[in-house]
Protein backbone atom coordinates (compact mmCIF):
# COMPACT_ATOMS: atom_id res chain seq x y z
CA MET A 1 27.93 37.71 163.38
CA PHE A 2 27.98 38.55 159.77
CA PHE A 3 30.14 40.70 157.53
CA THR A 4 28.76 44.17 156.79
CA GLY A 5 31.71 45.59 154.86
CA ASP A 6 32.13 48.52 157.28
CA PRO A 7 35.78 49.73 157.13
CA THR A 8 35.73 51.24 160.64
CA THR A 9 35.70 47.90 162.32
CA ARG A 10 38.82 46.71 160.60
CA LYS A 11 42.13 46.88 162.37
CA ARG A 12 44.56 49.41 160.96
CA VAL A 13 48.06 48.27 160.33
CA ASP A 14 50.77 50.85 159.61
CA LEU A 15 53.49 49.28 157.52
CA GLY A 16 55.61 52.49 157.40
CA GLY A 17 59.09 52.89 158.91
CA GLN A 18 58.54 55.56 161.59
CA SER A 19 56.26 55.18 164.51
CA SER A 20 53.59 57.78 165.10
CA LYS A 21 55.30 58.76 168.36
CA GLU A 22 58.50 59.67 166.48
CA ARG A 23 56.53 61.77 163.94
CA ASP A 24 54.71 63.59 166.74
CA ARG A 25 58.00 64.28 168.53
CA GLN A 26 59.64 65.76 165.42
CA LYS A 27 56.57 67.85 164.66
CA LEU A 28 56.54 69.20 168.22
CA LEU A 29 60.27 70.03 168.10
CA LYS A 30 59.85 71.88 164.80
CA GLN A 31 56.85 73.81 166.11
CA THR A 32 58.73 74.74 169.30
CA ARG A 33 61.76 75.93 167.29
CA LEU A 34 59.56 78.09 165.04
CA GLU A 35 57.79 79.59 168.04
CA ARG A 36 61.10 80.34 169.78
CA ASN A 37 62.44 82.06 166.64
CA ARG A 38 59.24 84.11 166.36
CA CYS A 39 59.53 85.19 170.01
CA LEU A 40 63.19 86.18 169.51
CA TRP A 41 62.24 88.22 166.44
CA LEU A 42 59.46 89.97 168.38
CA CYS A 43 61.85 90.74 171.25
CA GLN A 44 64.35 92.27 168.81
CA GLN A 45 61.60 94.37 167.20
CA ASN A 46 60.38 95.62 170.59
CA SER A 47 63.91 96.42 171.73
CA ALA A 48 64.63 98.39 168.55
CA ALA A 49 61.35 100.30 168.86
CA LEU A 50 62.11 101.19 172.49
CA LYS A 51 65.57 102.49 171.56
CA ILE A 52 64.13 104.66 168.79
CA GLN A 53 61.41 106.03 171.08
CA LYS A 54 63.93 106.72 173.82
CA TYR A 55 66.16 108.62 171.39
CA PHE A 56 63.34 110.85 170.12
CA ARG A 57 61.94 111.49 173.60
CA ARG A 58 65.41 112.45 174.82
CA GLY A 59 65.76 114.88 171.92
CA LYS A 60 62.50 116.59 172.80
CA VAL A 61 63.49 116.91 176.46
CA VAL A 62 66.90 118.34 175.54
CA GLU A 63 65.31 120.93 173.24
CA VAL A 64 62.98 122.06 176.03
CA GLU A 65 65.92 122.38 178.43
CA ARG A 66 67.93 124.31 175.83
CA ALA A 67 65.06 126.75 175.41
CA LYS A 68 64.92 127.27 179.18
CA VAL A 69 68.68 127.87 179.40
CA ARG A 70 68.51 130.24 176.40
CA GLU A 71 65.80 132.32 178.10
CA GLN A 72 67.78 132.41 181.36
CA PHE A 73 70.88 133.49 179.40
CA TYR A 74 68.94 136.30 177.69
CA LYS A 75 67.56 137.50 181.03
CA THR A 76 70.99 137.52 182.64
CA TYR A 77 73.29 138.73 179.85
CA GLY A 78 70.93 140.43 177.38
CA LYS A 79 69.63 139.38 173.98
CA HIS A 80 72.99 139.98 172.30
CA GLY A 81 75.31 139.80 175.30
CA HIS A 82 75.07 143.47 176.23
CA HIS A 83 75.66 142.79 179.94
CA VAL A 84 78.81 140.71 179.47
CA ASP A 85 82.07 141.87 180.98
CA ARG A 86 85.49 140.25 181.17
CA HIS A 87 84.68 138.53 184.48
CA CYS A 88 81.84 136.49 182.92
CA PHE A 89 84.32 134.19 181.16
CA GLY A 90 85.72 132.70 184.38
CA PRO A 91 85.60 128.94 184.95
CA ASP A 92 83.36 129.22 188.02
CA LEU A 93 80.64 131.21 186.25
CA GLU A 94 77.69 129.94 184.24
CA PHE A 95 78.22 132.13 181.18
CA LEU A 96 80.21 129.82 178.91
CA ARG A 97 78.47 126.68 180.18
CA GLN A 98 75.07 128.12 179.29
CA LEU A 99 76.24 129.51 175.95
CA ILE A 100 77.80 126.22 174.86
CA PHE A 101 74.72 124.26 175.94
CA PHE A 102 72.03 126.20 174.10
CA VAL A 103 73.81 127.54 171.01
CA ASN A 104 72.47 126.11 167.74
CA ALA A 105 74.16 126.87 164.43
CA TRP A 106 70.83 126.87 162.57
CA ASN A 107 69.30 129.55 164.81
CA MET A 108 70.03 133.08 163.57
CA ASN A 109 69.59 134.61 167.04
CA ASP A 110 72.15 132.16 168.43
CA PHE A 111 74.46 133.01 165.55
CA SER A 112 74.28 136.73 166.33
CA VAL A 113 74.87 136.05 170.06
CA LEU A 114 77.87 133.90 169.19
CA ALA A 115 79.26 136.57 166.85
CA GLU A 116 78.88 139.23 169.54
CA ILE A 117 80.56 137.01 172.15
CA CYS A 118 83.48 136.35 169.80
CA ARG A 119 83.82 140.08 169.20
CA LEU A 120 83.84 140.67 172.97
CA ILE A 121 86.48 137.97 173.48
CA GLN A 122 88.64 139.61 170.83
CA HIS A 123 88.16 143.02 172.50
CA PHE A 124 89.02 141.73 176.00
CA VAL A 125 92.12 139.88 174.75
CA ARG A 126 93.37 142.96 172.92
CA GLU A 127 92.74 145.02 176.03
CA SER A 128 94.60 142.78 178.48
CA GLY A 129 96.77 140.68 176.18
CA ASP A 130 96.20 137.50 178.21
CA VAL A 131 93.84 134.83 176.89
CA VAL A 132 94.59 132.41 179.72
CA GLU A 133 93.62 134.88 182.42
CA LEU A 134 90.38 135.70 180.62
CA PHE A 135 89.14 132.10 180.63
CA ALA A 136 90.98 130.48 183.55
CA GLY A 137 91.17 133.29 186.06
CA THR A 138 94.09 133.31 188.45
CA ASN A 139 94.32 129.56 189.07
CA TYR A 140 94.92 128.06 185.63
CA LEU A 141 96.50 124.81 186.82
CA SER A 142 93.45 123.61 188.74
CA ASN A 143 91.01 124.65 185.98
CA HIS A 144 93.10 123.55 183.01
CA SER A 145 90.94 120.66 181.77
CA LEU A 146 87.67 122.58 182.21
CA VAL A 147 89.04 125.61 180.36
CA VAL A 148 90.38 123.50 177.51
CA TYR A 149 87.08 121.64 177.20
CA ARG A 150 85.00 124.82 177.14
CA LEU A 151 87.30 126.50 174.62
CA LYS A 152 87.16 123.47 172.33
CA ARG A 153 83.36 123.45 172.52
CA LEU A 154 83.19 127.21 171.92
CA SER A 155 85.56 126.92 168.95
CA PHE A 156 83.52 124.08 167.49
CA ALA A 157 80.28 126.04 167.93
CA CYS A 158 81.83 129.05 166.17
CA ILE A 159 83.15 126.98 163.27
CA GLN A 160 79.83 125.19 162.91
CA ALA A 161 77.90 128.48 162.95
CA ILE A 162 80.20 130.01 160.33
CA TYR A 163 79.82 126.93 158.13
CA ARG A 164 76.01 126.93 158.42
CA ASN A 165 75.62 130.68 157.83
CA ARG A 166 78.12 131.37 155.08
């Protein structure tokens, strides 16, 4: 055997402090931590995107339903509430529920319907003198919370429509 000077045959001696196993372990832990953080970030991004999509899809569905209720309202009570009488305001009837659901302050047709309904309410109250009977019927105690809720929503819709169309 003779010496060729080939460096590959020499034994390698690492005189450093850390063993290669310790370096590999730390590198693996760091890589795992980075991958976990990346997965968490992706999960947060996906969750946020799903919430945004859900919100916009819900809005589209609600607008379609409002249009359906608006058309049903127009068929039943007329384009400007021509077929409304004092008995339509009762708590068991669909009139106020439908009106409150579809009314939009930005829509001029809805604004004119709302104005006509307010005029009719004023007329019926002047005629009978009893606001409670107009909205609650004969049994006010059992319908109290429903009547209050619907009147608050109707009042808010009127105020909003006046503000938008001043």
